[in-house]
C-alpha atoms as a PDB file:
ATOM      1  CA  MET A   1     150.144 108.824  29.140  1.00  0.00           C
ATOM      2  CA  ALA A   2     152.387 109.348  32.143  1.00  0.00           C
ATOM      3  CA  GLY A   3     154.855 111.380  30.392  1.00  0.00           C
ATOM      4  CA  VAL A   4     157.999 108.907  31.262  1.00  0.00           C
ATOM      5  CA  SER A   5     160.364 106.416  29.450  1.00  0.00           C
ATOM      6  CA  PRO A   6     159.863 103.302  28.860  1.00  0.00           C
ATOM      7  CA  ALA A   7     162.834 102.821  30.786  1.00  0.00           C
ATOM      8  CA  THR A   8     160.974 104.339  34.042  1.00  0.00           C
ATOM      9  CA  VAL A   9     157.784 102.255  33.283  1.00  0.00           C
ATOM     10  CA  SER A  10     160.005  99.331  33.868  1.00  0.00           C
ATOM     11  CA  ARG A  11     161.708 100.457  36.360  1.00  0.00           C
ATOM     12  CA  TYR A  12     158.953 100.775  38.628  1.00  0.00           C
ATOM     13  CA  LEU A  13     157.268  97.595  37.363  1.00  0.00           C
ATOM     14  CA  ASN A  14     160.338  95.634  38.484  1.00  0.00           C
ATOM     15  CA  MET A  15     161.382  98.158  41.167  1.00  0.00           C
ATOM     16  CA  PRO A  16     159.170 100.093  42.509  1.00  0.00           C
ATOM     17  CA  GLU A  17     161.075 100.746  45.777  1.00  0.00           C
ATOM     18  CA  ILE A  18     163.522 103.143  43.418  1.00  0.00           C
ATOM     19  CA  VAL A  19     161.102 105.747  41.329  1.00  0.00           C
ATOM     20  CA  ALA A  20     159.991 108.399  43.118  1.00  0.00           C
ATOM     21  CA  SER A  21     156.626 108.513  44.911  1.00  0.00           C
ATOM     22  CA  ALA A  22     155.010 111.370  42.497  1.00  0.00           C
ATOM     23  CA  THR A  23     156.269 109.366  39.322  1.00  0.00           C
ATOM     24  CA  ALA A  24     155.109 106.069  40.589  1.00  0.00           C
ATOM     25  CA  THR A  25     151.760 107.579  40.592  1.00  0.00           C
ATOM     26  CA  LYS A  26     151.510 109.010  37.579  1.00  0.00           C
ATOM     27  CA  ILE A  27     152.896 105.831  36.124  1.00  0.00           C
ATOM     28  CA  SER A  28     149.838 103.511  38.275  1.00  0.00           C
ATOM     29  CA  GLU A  29     147.463 105.932  36.980  1.00  0.00           C
ATOM     30  CA  ALA A  30     148.143 105.517  33.353  1.00  0.00           C
ATOM     31  CA  ILE A  31     147.796 101.605  33.619  1.00  0.00           C
ATOM     32  CA  GLU A  32     144.730 101.574  35.790  1.00  0.00           C
ATOM     33  CA  LYS A  33     142.787 104.001  33.058  1.00  0.00           C
ATOM     34  CA  THR A  34     144.751 101.909  30.174  1.00  0.00           C
ATOM     35  CA  GLY A  35     144.370  98.217  31.584  1.00  0.00           C
ATOM     36  CA  TYR A  36     147.759  97.547  30.619  1.00  0.00           C
ATOM     37  CA  VAL A  37     149.079  94.407  31.321  1.00  0.00           C
ATOM     38  CA  GLN A  38     152.872  92.808  31.626  1.00  0.00           C
ATOM     39  CA  ASN A  39     154.240  90.566  29.222  1.00  0.00           C
ATOM     40  CA  LEU A  40     156.333  88.488  32.084  1.00  0.00           C
ATOM     41  CA  ALA A  41     157.558  86.169  29.537  1.00  0.00           C
ATOM     42  CA  ALA A  42     159.347  89.106  27.513  1.00  0.00           C
ATOM     43  CA  GLY A  43     160.413  90.324  30.515  1.00  0.00           C
ATOM     44  CA  ALA A  44     161.871  87.300  31.385  1.00  0.00           C
ATOM     45  CA  LEU A  45     163.840  87.127  27.781  1.00  0.00           C
ATOM     46  CA  ALA A  46     164.917  90.184  27.916  1.00  0.00           C
ATOM     47  CA  GLY A  47     165.977  90.492  31.929  1.00  0.00           C
ATOM     48  CA  ASN A  48     166.649  86.766  32.090  1.00  0.00           C
ATOM     49  CA  ARG A  49     164.785  86.279  34.658  1.00  0.00           C
ATOM     50  CA  SER A  50     161.314  85.145  35.020  1.00  0.00           C
ATOM     51  CA  ARG A  51     160.601  85.693  38.659  1.00  0.00           C
ATOM     52  CA  LEU A  52     158.857  82.369  38.576  1.00  0.00           C
ATOM     53  CA  ILE A  53     159.481  79.985  41.314  1.00  0.00           C
ATOM     54  CA  ALA A  54     158.398  75.956  41.049  1.00  0.00           C
ATOM     55  CA  VAL A  55     157.331  74.932  44.493  1.00  0.00           C
ATOM     56  CA  LEU A  56     156.712  70.545  44.406  1.00  0.00           C
ATOM     57  CA  VAL A  57     155.217  69.170  46.554  1.00  0.00           C
ATOM     58  CA  PRO A  58     153.691  65.142  47.128  1.00  0.00           C
ATOM     59  CA  ASP A  59     150.270  66.641  48.239  1.00  0.00           C
ATOM     60  CA  ILE A  60     148.987  69.180  50.175  1.00  0.00           C
ATOM     61  CA  ALA A  61     145.714  67.361  52.145  1.00  0.00           C
ATOM     62  CA  GLN A  62     146.996  66.662  55.679  1.00  0.00           C
ATOM     63  CA  SER A  63     150.408  67.550  54.361  1.00  0.00           C
ATOM     64  CA  ILE A  64     153.276  68.207  57.658  1.00  0.00           C
ATOM     65  CA  PHE A  65     154.292  70.300  54.502  1.00  0.00           C
ATOM     66  CA  ASN A  66     151.673  73.657  54.760  1.00  0.00           C
ATOM     67  CA  ASP A  67     153.791  75.002  57.034  1.00  0.00           C
ATOM     68  CA  THR A  68     156.407  75.470  55.069  1.00  0.00           C
ATOM     69  CA  VAL A  69     154.467  76.222  52.172  1.00  0.00           C
ATOM     70  CA  GLU A  70     152.181  78.560  53.127  1.00  0.00           C
ATOM     71  CA  ALA A  71     155.536  80.713  54.298  1.00  0.00           C
ATOM     72  CA  MET A  72     156.834  79.949  51.530  1.00  0.00           C
ATOM     73  CA  ILE A  73     154.747  81.718  49.494  1.00  0.00           C
ATOM     74  CA  GLU A  74     154.179  84.741  51.049  1.00  0.00           C
ATOM     75  CA  ALA A  75     157.439  85.289  51.563  1.00  0.00           C
ATOM     76  CA  LEU A  76     157.988  84.449  47.655  1.00  0.00           C
ATOM     77  CA  SER A  77     155.179  86.938  46.930  1.00  0.00           C
ATOM     78  CA  ARG A  78     156.736  89.577  49.141  1.00  0.00           C
ATOM     79  CA  ASP A  79     159.965  90.040  47.160  1.00  0.00           C
ATOM     80  CA  ARG A  80     157.352  90.346  44.334  1.00  0.00           C
ATOM     81  CA  ASN A  81     157.839  86.762  42.704  1.00  0.00           C
ATOM     82  CA  SER A  82     155.003  84.397  41.553  1.00  0.00           C
ATOM     83  CA  VAL A  83     154.758  81.009  42.475  1.00  0.00           C
ATOM     84  CA  MET A  84     154.115  77.644  40.352  1.00  0.00           C
ATOM     85  CA  LEU A  85     152.876  75.394  43.066  1.00  0.00           C
ATOM     86  CA  ALA A  86     152.401  71.376  41.441  1.00  0.00           C
ATOM     87  CA  LEU A  87     151.219  67.820  43.553  1.00  0.00           C
ATOM     88  CA  THR A  88     153.538  65.534  42.764  1.00  0.00           C
ATOM     89  CA  GLY A  89     151.604  62.919  44.192  1.00  0.00           C
ATOM     90  CA  SER A  90     152.255  61.137  47.619  1.00  0.00           C
ATOM     91  CA  ASP A  91     154.568  58.525  45.181  1.00  0.00           C
ATOM     92  CA  ASN A  92     156.132  61.196  43.603  1.00  0.00           C
ATOM     93  CA  SER A  93     154.650  59.365  40.481  1.00  0.00           C
ATOM     94  CA  ARG A  94     154.132  62.673  38.242  1.00  0.00           C
ATOM     95  CA  LEU A  95     157.327  64.994  40.191  1.00  0.00           C
ATOM     96  CA  VAL A  96     160.068  63.563  36.330  1.00  0.00           C
ATOM     97  CA  ARG A  97     156.506  65.302  34.115  1.00  0.00           C
ATOM     98  CA  GLU A  98     155.942  68.545  36.744  1.00  0.00           C
ATOM     99  CA  ILE A  99     159.940  69.337  36.562  1.00  0.00           C
ATOM    100  CA  ASN A 100     159.966  69.363  32.878  1.00  0.00           C
ATOM    101  CA  MET A 101     156.591  71.555  32.847  1.00  0.00           C
ATOM    102  CA  ALA A 102     159.154  73.989  35.338  1.00  0.00           C
ATOM    103  CA  LEU A 103     161.661  74.390  33.383  1.00  0.00           C
ATOM    104  CA  ALA A 104     159.639  74.487  30.234  1.00  0.00           C
ATOM    105  CA  HIS A 105     158.005  77.899  31.292  1.00  0.00           C
ATOM    106  CA  ARG A 106     161.944  79.185  32.452  1.00  0.00           C
ATOM    107  CA  VAL A 107     161.215  79.449  36.217  1.00  0.00           C
ATOM    108  CA  ASP A 108     164.457  81.085  38.305  1.00  0.00           C
ATOM    109  CA  ALA A 109     163.930  78.182  41.188  1.00  0.00           C
ATOM    110  CA  ILE A 110     162.712  74.409  41.873  1.00  0.00           C
ATOM    111  CA  VAL A 111     161.984  74.135  45.138  1.00  0.00           C
ATOM    112  CA  LEU A 112     161.604  70.688  45.630  1.00  0.00           C
ATOM    113  CA  THR A 113     160.072  68.154  48.857  1.00  0.00           C
ATOM    114  CA  GLY A 114     162.259  65.916  49.998  1.00  0.00           C
ATOM    115  CA  ILE A 115     165.965  64.422  47.469  1.00  0.00           C
ATOM    116  CA  VAL A 116     165.575  63.275  43.831  1.00  0.00           C
ATOM    117  CA  SER A 117     166.727  60.149  43.625  1.00  0.00           C
ATOM    118  CA  ASP A 118     166.620  59.599  39.406  1.00  0.00           C
ATOM    119  CA  GLU A 119     169.998  59.971  38.262  1.00  0.00           C
ATOM    120  CA  GLU A 120     168.889  61.193  35.013  1.00  0.00           C
ATOM    121  CA  THR A 121     166.511  63.252  36.431  1.00  0.00           C
ATOM    122  CA  ARG A 122     169.267  64.674  38.664  1.00  0.00           C
ATOM    123  CA  GLN A 123     171.783  65.294  35.787  1.00  0.00           C
ATOM    124  CA  LYS A 124     169.141  67.069  34.176  1.00  0.00           C
ATOM    125  CA  LEU A 125     168.203  69.795  36.356  1.00  0.00           C
ATOM    126  CA  ARG A 126     171.992  70.462  37.057  1.00  0.00           C
ATOM    127  CA  ALA A 127     172.192  71.071  33.339  1.00  0.00           C
ATOM    128  CA  ALA A 128     169.213  73.590  33.941  1.00  0.00           C
ATOM    129  CA  LYS A 129     170.389  77.268  34.625  1.00  0.00           C
ATOM    130  CA  VAL A 130     167.886  77.308  37.835  1.00  0.00           C
ATOM    131  CA  THR A 131     168.392  77.170  41.031  1.00  0.00           C
ATOM    132  CA  VAL A 132     167.046  74.232  42.517  1.00  0.00           C
ATOM    133  CA  ILE A 133     166.180  73.633  45.895  1.00  0.00           C
ATOM    134  CA  GLU A 134     165.969  70.400  47.688  1.00  0.00           C
ATOM    135  CA  THR A 135     163.893  70.198  51.363  1.00  0.00           C
ATOM    136  CA  TRP A 136     162.843  68.134  54.073  1.00  0.00           C
ATOM    137  CA  GLY A 137     166.408  66.235  53.119  1.00  0.00           C
ATOM    138  CA  LEU A 138     169.933  66.381  53.495  1.00  0.00           C
ATOM    139  CA  ALA A 139     171.150  65.069  50.259  1.00  0.00           C
ATOM    140  CA  GLU A 140     174.664  63.365  50.425  1.00  0.00           C
ATOM    141  CA  ASP A 141     175.221  64.674  46.967  1.00  0.00           C
ATOM    142  CA  PRO A 142     172.616  67.491  46.599  1.00  0.00           C
ATOM    143  CA  ILE A 143     172.100  69.013  43.173  1.00  0.00           C
ATOM    144  CA  ASP A 144     172.523  72.332  44.095  1.00  0.00           C
ATOM    145  CA  VAL A 145     171.238  73.213  47.164  1.00  0.00           C
ATOM    146  CA  SER A 146     169.465  71.255  49.971  1.00  0.00           C
ATOM    147  CA  VAL A 147     167.893  72.606  53.114  1.00  0.00           C
ATOM    148  CA  GLY A 148     166.861  70.734  55.645  1.00  0.00           C
ATOM    149  CA  PHE A 149     167.170  67.503  58.281  1.00  0.00           C
ATOM    150  CA  SER A 150     168.581  64.607  59.044  1.00  0.00           C
ATOM    151  CA  HIS A 151     165.930  61.980  58.944  1.00  0.00           C
ATOM    152  CA  THR A 152     168.245  59.080  60.043  1.00  0.00           C
ATOM    153  CA  ALA A 153     169.543  61.473  63.184  1.00  0.00           C
ATOM    154  CA  ALA A 154     165.598  62.308  63.996  1.00  0.00           C
ATOM    155  CA  GLY A 155     164.728  58.441  63.924  1.00  0.00           C
ATOM    156  CA  GLU A 156     168.338  58.074  66.635  1.00  0.00           C
ATOM    157  CA  GLU A 157     166.890  61.036  68.592  1.00  0.00           C
ATOM    158  CA  LEU A 158     162.980  59.250  69.501  1.00  0.00           C
ATOM    159  CA  ALA A 159     165.105  55.811  70.290  1.00  0.00           C
ATOM    160  CA  ARG A 160     167.261  57.694  72.624  1.00  0.00           C
ATOM    161  CA  PHE A 161     163.910  59.556  73.916  1.00  0.00           C
ATOM    162  CA  LEU A 162     161.879  56.779  74.540  1.00  0.00           C
ATOM    163  CA  ARG A 163     164.735  54.562  75.745  1.00  0.00           C
ATOM    164  CA  SER A 164     165.066  57.209  78.576  1.00  0.00           C
ATOM    165  CA  ARG A 165     161.381  56.812  79.807  1.00  0.00           C
ATOM    166  CA  GLY A 166     161.679  53.877  80.497  1.00  0.00           C
ATOM    167  CA  TYR A 167     159.780  52.244  77.374  1.00  0.00           C
ATOM    168  CA  ARG A 168     161.002  49.014  76.332  1.00  0.00           C
ATOM    169  CA  ARG A 169     159.149  47.706  73.742  1.00  0.00           C
ATOM    170  CA  PRO A 170     158.718  50.036  70.887  1.00  0.00           C
ATOM    171  CA  HIS A 171     156.164  48.787  68.356  1.00  0.00           C
ATOM    172  CA  LEU A 172     156.854  50.895  64.472  1.00  0.00           C
ATOM    173  CA  VAL A 173     153.741  51.834  62.023  1.00  0.00           C
ATOM    174  CA  VAL A 174     155.754  53.458  59.036  1.00  0.00           C
ATOM    175  CA  PRO A 175     154.825  54.711  55.862  1.00  0.00           C
ATOM    176  CA  ARG A 176     155.972  53.661  52.879  1.00  0.00           C
ATOM    177  CA  SER A 177     158.202  56.425  52.188  1.00  0.00           C
ATOM    178  CA  PRO A 178     161.815  56.986  51.810  1.00  0.00           C
ATOM    179  CA  ARG A 179     161.855  59.594  54.249  1.00  0.00           C
ATOM    180  CA  ALA A 180     160.173  57.337  56.602  1.00  0.00           C
ATOM    181  CA  GLU A 181     161.879  54.499  55.901  1.00  0.00           C
ATOM    182  CA  ARG A 182     164.804  56.697  56.828  1.00  0.00           C
ATOM    183  CA  ARG A 183     163.906  57.347  60.156  1.00  0.00           C
ATOM    184  CA  ALA A 184     163.017  53.876  60.795  1.00  0.00           C
ATOM    185  CA  GLY A 185     166.328  53.425  59.851  1.00  0.00           C
ATOM    186  CA  GLY A 186     168.035  55.495  62.587  1.00  0.00           C
ATOM    187  CA  PHE A 187     165.738  54.373  65.576  1.00  0.00           C
ATOM    188  CA  ILE A 188     166.651  50.312  65.020  1.00  0.00           C
ATOM    189  CA  SER A 189     170.068  50.829  64.574  1.00  0.00           C
ATOM    190  CA  ARG A 190     170.186  53.202  67.966  1.00  0.00           C
ATOM    191  CA  TRP A 191     167.516  50.921  69.195  1.00  0.00           C
ATOM    192  CA  THR A 192     169.194  48.181  68.930  1.00  0.00           C
ATOM    193  CA  HIS A 193     173.046  49.732  69.138  1.00  0.00           C
ATOM    194  CA  ASP A 194     171.876  50.441  72.591  1.00  0.00           C
ATOM    195  CA  GLY A 195     170.980  46.600  73.400  1.00  0.00           C
ATOM    196  CA  GLY A 196     167.059  46.725  73.722  1.00  0.00           C
ATOM    197  CA  GLN A 197     165.195  44.047  70.905  1.00  0.00           C
ATOM    198  CA  GLU A 198     164.891  44.510  67.272  1.00  0.00           C
ATOM    199  CA  PRO A 199     161.506  46.396  67.527  1.00  0.00           C
ATOM    200  CA  THR A 200     158.225  45.372  65.358  1.00  0.00           C
ATOM    201  CA  ARG A 201     156.751  47.080  62.885  1.00  0.00           C
ATOM    202  CA  LEU A 202     154.145  48.074  60.110  1.00  0.00           C
ATOM    203  CA  GLU A 203     154.366  49.385  56.901  1.00  0.00           C
ATOM    204  CA  VAL A 204     150.941  51.613  56.123  1.00  0.00           C
ATOM    205  CA  ASN A 205     150.531  53.074  52.575  1.00  0.00           C
ATOM    206  CA  VAL A 206     151.281  57.022  51.771  1.00  0.00           C
ATOM    207  CA  PRO A 207     149.837  59.695  52.360  1.00  0.00           C
ATOM    208  CA  SER A 208     149.311  59.158  55.846  1.00  0.00           C
ATOM    209  CA  HIS A 209     145.681  59.812  57.625  1.00  0.00           C
ATOM    210  CA  PHE A 210     143.465  59.109  60.555  1.00  0.00           C
ATOM    211  CA  GLY A 211     142.278  55.964  59.674  1.00  0.00           C
ATOM    212  CA  GLN A 212     145.471  54.109  59.504  1.00  0.00           C
ATOM    213  CA  GLY A 213     146.027  54.721  62.759  1.00  0.00           C
ATOM    214  CA  ARG A 214     143.310  52.910  63.885  1.00  0.00           C
ATOM    215  CA  LEU A 215     144.298  49.747  61.972  1.00  0.00           C
ATOM    216  CA  SER A 216     147.086  49.678  62.954  1.00  0.00           C
ATOM    217  CA  TYR A 217     146.126  50.163  66.585  1.00  0.00           C
ATOM    218  CA  ARG A 218     143.590  46.755  65.923  1.00  0.00           C
ATOM    219  CA  ALA A 219     146.946  45.272  64.316  1.00  0.00           C
ATOM    220  CA  LEU A 220     148.500  44.680  67.587  1.00  0.00           C
ATOM    221  CA  ALA A 221     146.521  42.565  68.454  1.00  0.00           C
ATOM    222  CA  ASP A 222     148.032  40.188  65.776  1.00  0.00           C
ATOM    223  CA  LEU A 223     151.925  40.437  67.952  1.00  0.00           C
ATOM    224  CA  PRO A 224     153.296  37.831  70.088  1.00  0.00           C
ATOM    225  CA  GLU A 225     154.072  40.958  72.690  1.00  0.00           C
ATOM    226  CA  GLN A 226     152.211  43.411  73.449  1.00  0.00           C
ATOM    227  CA  PRO A 227     154.281  46.728  72.567  1.00  0.00           C
ATOM    228  CA  ASP A 228     154.544  49.385  75.539  1.00  0.00           C
ATOM    229  CA  VAL A 229     155.229  51.937  72.918  1.00  0.00           C
ATOM    230  CA  VAL A 230     153.608  52.504  69.161  1.00  0.00           C
ATOM    231  CA  VAL A 231     156.359  54.634  67.290  1.00  0.00           C
ATOM    232  CA  CYS A 232     154.375  56.331  64.788  1.00  0.00           C
ATOM    233  CA  GLY A 233     155.434  57.873  61.045  1.00  0.00           C
ATOM    234  CA  SER A 234     152.617  61.094  61.635  1.00  0.00           C
ATOM    235  CA  ASP A 235     150.750  62.774  63.657  1.00  0.00           C
ATOM    236  CA  TRP A 236     147.792  61.898  61.615  1.00  0.00           C
ATOM    237  CA  ILE A 237     148.454  57.942  62.443  1.00  0.00           C
ATOM    238  CA  ALA A 238     149.344  58.613  66.536  1.00  0.00           C
ATOM    239  CA  GLN A 239     145.950  60.568  66.782  1.00  0.00           C
ATOM    240  CA  GLY A 240     143.982  57.483  64.854  1.00  0.00           C
ATOM    241  CA  LEU A 241     146.013  54.799  67.443  1.00  0.00           C
ATOM    242  CA  ILE A 242     144.856  57.304  70.520  1.00  0.00           C
ATOM    243  CA  VAL A 243     141.487  57.720  70.001  1.00  0.00           C
ATOM    244  CA  GLU A 244     140.598  53.744  68.710  1.00  0.00           C
ATOM    245  CA  ALA A 245     142.681  52.764  71.709  1.00  0.00           C
ATOM    246  CA  GLN A 246     140.781  55.107  74.440  1.00  0.00           C
ATOM    247  CA  ALA A 247     137.437  53.988  72.653  1.00  0.00           C
ATOM    248  CA  ALA A 248     138.981  49.969  74.069  1.00  0.00           C
ATOM    249  CA  GLY A 249     139.398  51.554  77.248  1.00  0.00           C
ATOM    250  CA  ILE A 250     142.836  51.397  76.800  1.00  0.00           C
ATOM    251  CA  ARG A 251     144.813  54.327  79.146  1.00  0.00           C
ATOM    252  CA  VAL A 252     147.514  56.218  76.765  1.00  0.00           C
ATOM    253  CA  PRO A 253     149.781  56.552  78.212  1.00  0.00           C
ATOM    254  CA  ASP A 254     149.781  54.374  81.425  1.00  0.00           C
ATOM    255  CA  GLN A 255     149.421  51.100  79.532  1.00  0.00           C
ATOM    256  CA  LEU A 256     150.302  52.809  75.912  1.00  0.00           C
ATOM    257  CA  ALA A 257     152.310  55.261  74.762  1.00  0.00           C
ATOM    258  CA  VAL A 258     152.143  56.405  71.328  1.00  0.00           C
ATOM    259  CA  THR A 259     154.492  58.975  69.773  1.00  0.00           C
ATOM    260  CA  GLY A 260     153.923  61.272  66.304  1.00  0.00           C
ATOM    261  CA  PHE A 261     156.058  63.173  63.829  1.00  0.00           C
ATOM    262  CA  GLY A 262     155.484  66.826  62.256  1.00  0.00           C
ATOM    263  CA  ASN A 263     154.128  68.165  65.109  1.00  0.00           C
ATOM    264  CA  LEU A 264     151.317  69.430  63.674  1.00  0.00           C
ATOM    265  CA  ARG A 265     148.320  71.594  65.535  1.00  0.00           C
ATOM    266  CA  LEU A 266     146.729  68.907  65.962  1.00  0.00           C
ATOM    267  CA  ALA A 267     149.191  67.105  68.031  1.00  0.00           C
ATOM    268  CA  GLY A 268     148.838  69.750  71.006  1.00  0.00           C
ATOM    269  CA  ASP A 269     145.585  69.696  70.418  1.00  0.00           C
ATOM    270  CA  MET A 270     144.372  66.310  71.250  1.00  0.00           C
ATOM    271  CA  ARG A 271     143.628  64.511  74.546  1.00  0.00           C
ATOM    272  CA  PRO A 272     145.913  63.240  75.768  1.00  0.00           C
ATOM    273  CA  THR A 273     148.316  65.674  73.486  1.00  0.00           C
ATOM    274  CA  ILE A 274     150.963  63.840  71.699  1.00  0.00           C
ATOM    275  CA  THR A 275     154.584  62.989  71.973  1.00  0.00           C
ATOM    276  CA  SER A 276     156.060  64.984  68.358  1.00  0.00           C
ATOM    277  CA  VAL A 277     159.425  65.129  66.134  1.00  0.00           C
ATOM    278  CA  ASP A 278     159.135  69.243  65.769  1.00  0.00           C
ATOM    279  CA  ILE A 279     160.542  70.153  62.247  1.00  0.00           C
ATOM    280  CA  ASP A 280     160.023  74.221  61.527  1.00  0.00           C
ATOM    281  CA  GLY A 281     158.895  75.188  58.587  1.00  0.00           C
ATOM    282  CA  ALA A 282     158.893  78.394  58.587  1.00  0.00           C
ATOM    283  CA  HIS A 283     163.020  78.118  59.532  1.00  0.00           C
ATOM    284  CA  VAL A 284     163.014  75.746  56.143  1.00  0.00           C
ATOM    285  CA  ALA A 285     161.268  78.621  54.111  1.00  0.00           C
ATOM    286  CA  ARG A 286     163.463  81.594  55.720  1.00  0.00           C
ATOM    287  CA  GLU A 287     166.494  79.275  54.526  1.00  0.00           C
ATOM    288  CA  VAL A 288     164.957  78.456  51.111  1.00  0.00           C
ATOM    289  CA  MET A 289     164.379  82.664  50.574  1.00  0.00           C
ATOM    290  CA  ARG A 290     167.997  83.755  51.852  1.00  0.00           C
ATOM    291  CA  VAL A 291     169.428  81.260  48.974  1.00  0.00           C
ATOM    292  CA  LEU A 292     166.694  83.078  46.554  1.00  0.00           C
ATOM    293  CA  ARG A 293     168.104  86.459  47.029  1.00  0.00           C
ATOM    294  CA  ALA A 294     171.765  85.196  47.531  1.00  0.00           C
ATOM    295  CA  ARG A 295     171.076  84.037  43.661  1.00  0.00           C
ATOM    296  CA  ALA A 296     169.399  87.086  42.766  1.00  0.00           C
ATOM    297  CA  LEU A 297     172.567  88.895  44.048  1.00  0.00           C
ATOM    298  CA  ASP A 298     175.138  86.215  41.997  1.00  0.00           C
ATOM    299  CA  GLU A 299     176.267  85.297  45.762  1.00  0.00           C
ATOM    300  CA  LYS A 300     177.252  81.943  47.372  1.00  0.00           C
ATOM    301  CA  VAL A 301     175.515  79.945  49.105  1.00  0.00           C
ATOM    302  CA  GLU A 302     176.417  76.778  50.963  1.00  0.00           C
ATOM    303  CA  PRO A 303     174.950  73.377  49.187  1.00  0.00           C
ATOM    304  CA  LEU A 304     173.908  71.737  53.316  1.00  0.00           C
ATOM    305  CA  ILE A 305     171.734  73.489  55.114  1.00  0.00           C
ATOM    306  CA  ASP A 306     170.451  71.894  58.174  1.00  0.00           C
ATOM    307  CA  VAL A 307     167.696  73.100  59.666  1.00  0.00           C
ATOM    308  CA  GLY A 308     167.889  70.404  62.377  1.00  0.00           C
ATOM    309  CA  PHE A 309     164.181  69.221  64.568  1.00  0.00           C
ATOM    310  CA  ARG A 310     163.327  68.800  68.020  1.00  0.00           C
ATOM    311  CA  VAL A 311     161.304  65.580  70.471  1.00  0.00           C
ATOM    312  CA  ILE A 312     158.707  67.529  71.292  1.00  0.00           C
ATOM    313  CA  ALA A 313     157.137  65.354  74.952  1.00  0.00           C
ATOM    314  CA  ARG A 314     153.831  65.635  75.642  1.00  0.00           C
ATOM    315  CA  GLU A 315     151.514  63.336  77.581  1.00  0.00           C
ATOM    316  CA  SER A 316     151.660  60.752  75.219  1.00  0.00           C
ATOM    317  CA  ALA A 317     154.729  59.594  75.505  1.00  0.00           C
END
């Protein structure tokens, strides 16, 4: 109907920018008239590329990963890829199942949130002929490529920052996750190394939410000595704690300072605004896209890509 060869139609479907505009118009009109839908499964078998990318995240409700996921999906779509988004659960209870599902669909790449700890799963991913990108952390021994930052270093930097501001009695509210635990470990190590007493701490379940912050404030009454700063494992916890403190007549930061993590939009919208640790989610997404484009061209990429972090000083500390 378009009056061109099957090869030209194939080029139009897969690389439209290389097809002359007049030819592209003819093919487009023929596709519209016939209602043709490309068989991507057959195309993947023939061309060894599915253009399907699996993105696995623990959760997306009140998540610090949202900016990264949105930026990544937008960039992947511009590159004519489709995204298979799966939620692995806050405790990654569905991680292995979702990885197996992604491999069964012959995806071109799997983008993971965090570092896979299960050795059997790591070996399976290494044996698969797909690009594997672990994000939001820097693996000591990456499965393939790791794009992220050191949670330990983030905790250490926050400890240095608070000490420089004159705080001396920190209390940690730590979500039960490997990433949060590494940040807490880095904070405690730096704090005690610089001469401080080991901070008190409270562990909370994941995912983080506003209510945990309110409960965390009430739990301060049980401490033998009241802290002068509470280091929260997320901005959601920090927000809830500040609201509860203010309801009790406590002035933040004059009587109690508070920090968060993630630099969510709410951190800048709160009053007082929340001091937080910022991770540039869009930067993570850009680095992921750079890796995927390099792999499509059979170019080498470095196994560890550090996107860094920064402490954003605001009113709450």
